[in-house]
Amino acid sequence: MRSAAEYQTTLERKLGEMFPSPENRRLVEEALSRYRWGKEFPGLARVHLAILKLAGTDLDKVEEYVEAANGDPRDVLYWAEYPNQAKGQSWRLPEEEREKLIQADLDQYETWIESGESSQKGGAPGS
């Protein structure tokens, strides 16, 4: 698990990679600032990263996922960080299969975090 500082550093890097244009970055940062749980829900940068992973470079999608996070930030965290588990009723699978899904989700998230990729499909409804 990353620290809040590590999430913040990663967020800054991903913003720069995904939105190299200062104008687009400003628009995305404005959209992310409309996430209202920041002070009450720990992990502001983590939620922002989840929004970026799900939305990619689509500014309209950033707005959509900010709204979803305002409803319940755990939703966007689940969709972004646990996409394989979010696709179905993973809790009903045998333990060995669940463990494979968990590892696949961890691997996918780490790959996205460490890569210069703008987005990977998450498990959000309709994705």
Protein backbone atom coordinates (compact mmCIF):
# COMPACT_ATOMS: atom_id res chain seq x y z
CA MET A 1 0.00 0.00 0.00
CA ARG A 2 1.29 3.42 -0.91
CA SER A 3 1.50 6.35 1.46
CA ALA A 4 -0.51 9.53 0.87
CA ALA A 5 2.72 11.24 -0.25
CA GLU A 6 3.45 8.47 -2.75
CA TYR A 7 -0.06 8.72 -4.18
CA GLN A 8 0.36 12.50 -4.49
CA THR A 9 3.69 12.14 -6.30
CA THR A 10 2.20 9.54 -8.64
CA LEU A 11 -0.82 11.77 -9.29
CA GLU A 12 1.40 14.69 -10.29
CA ARG A 13 3.39 12.46 -12.65
CA LYS A 14 0.28 10.91 -14.25
CA LEU A 15 -1.30 14.35 -14.72
CA GLY A 16 1.83 15.50 -16.54
CA GLU A 17 1.91 12.38 -18.73
CA MET A 18 -1.77 12.38 -19.55
CA PHE A 19 -2.29 16.12 -19.92
CA PRO A 20 0.91 17.73 -21.21
CA SER A 21 -1.02 20.79 -22.41
CA PRO A 22 -1.18 23.35 -19.56
CA GLU A 23 -4.75 24.28 -20.54
CA ASN A 24 -6.01 20.68 -20.46
CA ARG A 25 -4.20 20.02 -17.20
CA ARG A 26 -5.83 23.11 -15.68
CA LEU A 27 -9.27 21.88 -16.80
CA VAL A 28 -8.67 18.43 -15.33
CA GLU A 29 -7.38 19.87 -12.07
CA GLU A 30 -10.49 22.06 -11.87
CA ALA A 31 -12.70 19.02 -12.43
CA LEU A 32 -10.82 17.00 -9.80
CA SER A 33 -11.18 19.88 -7.34
CA ARG A 34 -14.95 19.37 -7.50
CA TYR A 35 -14.52 16.04 -5.72
CA ARG A 36 -16.07 17.04 -2.40
CA TRP A 37 -15.03 14.22 -0.07
CA GLY A 38 -11.38 15.26 0.03
CA LYS A 39 -11.08 16.22 3.66
CA GLU A 40 -13.53 13.67 5.03
CA PHE A 41 -12.36 10.67 3.02
CA PRO A 42 -8.70 9.74 3.37
CA GLY A 43 -6.78 9.23 0.17
CA LEU A 44 -7.65 12.26 -1.96
CA ALA A 45 -4.82 11.59 -4.44
CA ARG A 46 -5.78 7.91 -4.57
CA VAL A 47 -9.34 8.82 -5.58
CA HIS A 48 -8.04 11.31 -8.14
CA LEU A 49 -5.81 8.60 -9.62
CA ALA A 50 -8.76 6.23 -9.83
CA ILE A 51 -10.74 8.89 -11.70
CA LEU A 52 -7.87 9.39 -14.14
CA LYS A 53 -7.42 5.66 -14.70
CA LEU A 54 -11.10 5.25 -15.52
CA ALA A 55 -11.47 8.41 -17.62
CA GLY A 56 -8.18 8.38 -19.47
CA THR A 57 -7.72 11.69 -21.27
CA ASP A 58 -11.45 12.23 -21.86
CA LEU A 59 -12.36 15.44 -20.00
CA ASP A 60 -16.07 14.62 -20.05
CA LYS A 61 -15.36 11.24 -18.46
CA VAL A 62 -13.25 12.95 -15.77
CA GLU A 63 -16.35 15.00 -14.89
CA GLU A 64 -18.53 11.85 -14.89
CA TYR A 65 -16.21 9.98 -12.55
CA VAL A 66 -15.86 12.99 -10.24
CA GLU A 67 -19.65 12.92 -9.91
CA ALA A 68 -19.55 9.18 -9.24
CA ALA A 69 -16.86 9.72 -6.58
CA ASN A 70 -18.99 12.42 -5.00
CA GLY A 71 -21.72 9.83 -4.60
CA ASP A 72 -19.37 7.27 -3.04
CA PRO A 73 -15.60 7.38 -3.58
CA ARG A 74 -15.35 3.66 -2.91
CA ASP A 75 -17.11 3.03 -6.23
CA VAL A 76 -14.40 4.63 -8.36
CA LEU A 77 -11.68 2.99 -6.26
CA TYR A 78 -13.32 -0.39 -6.81
CA TRP A 79 -13.78 0.10 -10.55
CA ALA A 80 -10.23 1.37 -11.08
CA GLU A 81 -8.25 -0.81 -8.69
CA TYR A 82 -10.27 -4.02 -8.84
CA PRO A 83 -11.64 -4.20 -12.41
CA ASN A 84 -11.63 -7.98 -12.71
CA GLN A 85 -13.38 -8.40 -9.38
CA ALA A 86 -15.86 -5.63 -10.26
CA LYS A 87 -17.05 -7.44 -13.39
CA GLY A 88 -19.12 -10.00 -11.57
CA GLN A 89 -19.76 -11.87 -8.40
CA SER A 90 -16.15 -12.68 -7.63
CA TRP A 91 -16.94 -13.46 -4.00
CA ARG A 92 -18.77 -16.58 -5.21
CA LEU A 93 -15.71 -18.00 -6.94
CA PRO A 94 -13.52 -20.63 -5.34
CA GLU A 95 -10.71 -19.11 -3.30
CA GLU A 96 -8.03 -20.05 -5.84
CA GLU A 97 -9.86 -18.25 -8.64
CA ARG A 98 -10.48 -15.20 -6.43
CA GLU A 99 -6.77 -15.06 -5.63
CA LYS A 100 -5.97 -15.05 -9.35
CA LEU A 101 -8.38 -12.16 -9.91
CA ILE A 102 -6.88 -10.25 -7.01
CA GLN A 103 -3.37 -10.72 -8.38
CA ALA A 104 -4.47 -9.77 -11.90
CA ASP A 105 -6.03 -6.58 -10.53
CA LEU A 106 -2.90 -5.69 -8.57
CA ASP A 107 -0.71 -6.35 -11.61
CA GLN A 108 -2.92 -4.27 -13.90
CA TYR A 109 -3.04 -1.31 -11.51
CA GLU A 110 0.72 -1.37 -10.93
CA THR A 111 1.33 -1.55 -14.68
CA TRP A 112 -0.87 1.50 -15.23
CA ILE A 113 0.73 3.43 -12.34
CA GLU A 114 4.26 2.74 -13.59
CA SER A 115 3.54 3.19 -17.28
CA GLY A 116 3.07 6.28 -19.38
CA GLU A 117 -0.30 4.93 -20.50
CA SER A 118 -3.22 7.27 -20.14
CA SER A 119 -5.87 4.69 -19.34
CA GLN A 120 -6.67 1.04 -18.89
CA LYS A 121 -10.15 -0.28 -18.89
CA GLY A 122 -11.53 -0.40 -15.42
CA GLY A 123 -14.51 -2.29 -14.18
CA ALA A 124 -16.94 0.62 -14.10
CA PRO A 125 -20.44 -0.04 -15.33
CA GLY A 126 -20.58 0.48 -19.05
CA SER A 127 -16.82 0.33 -19.54
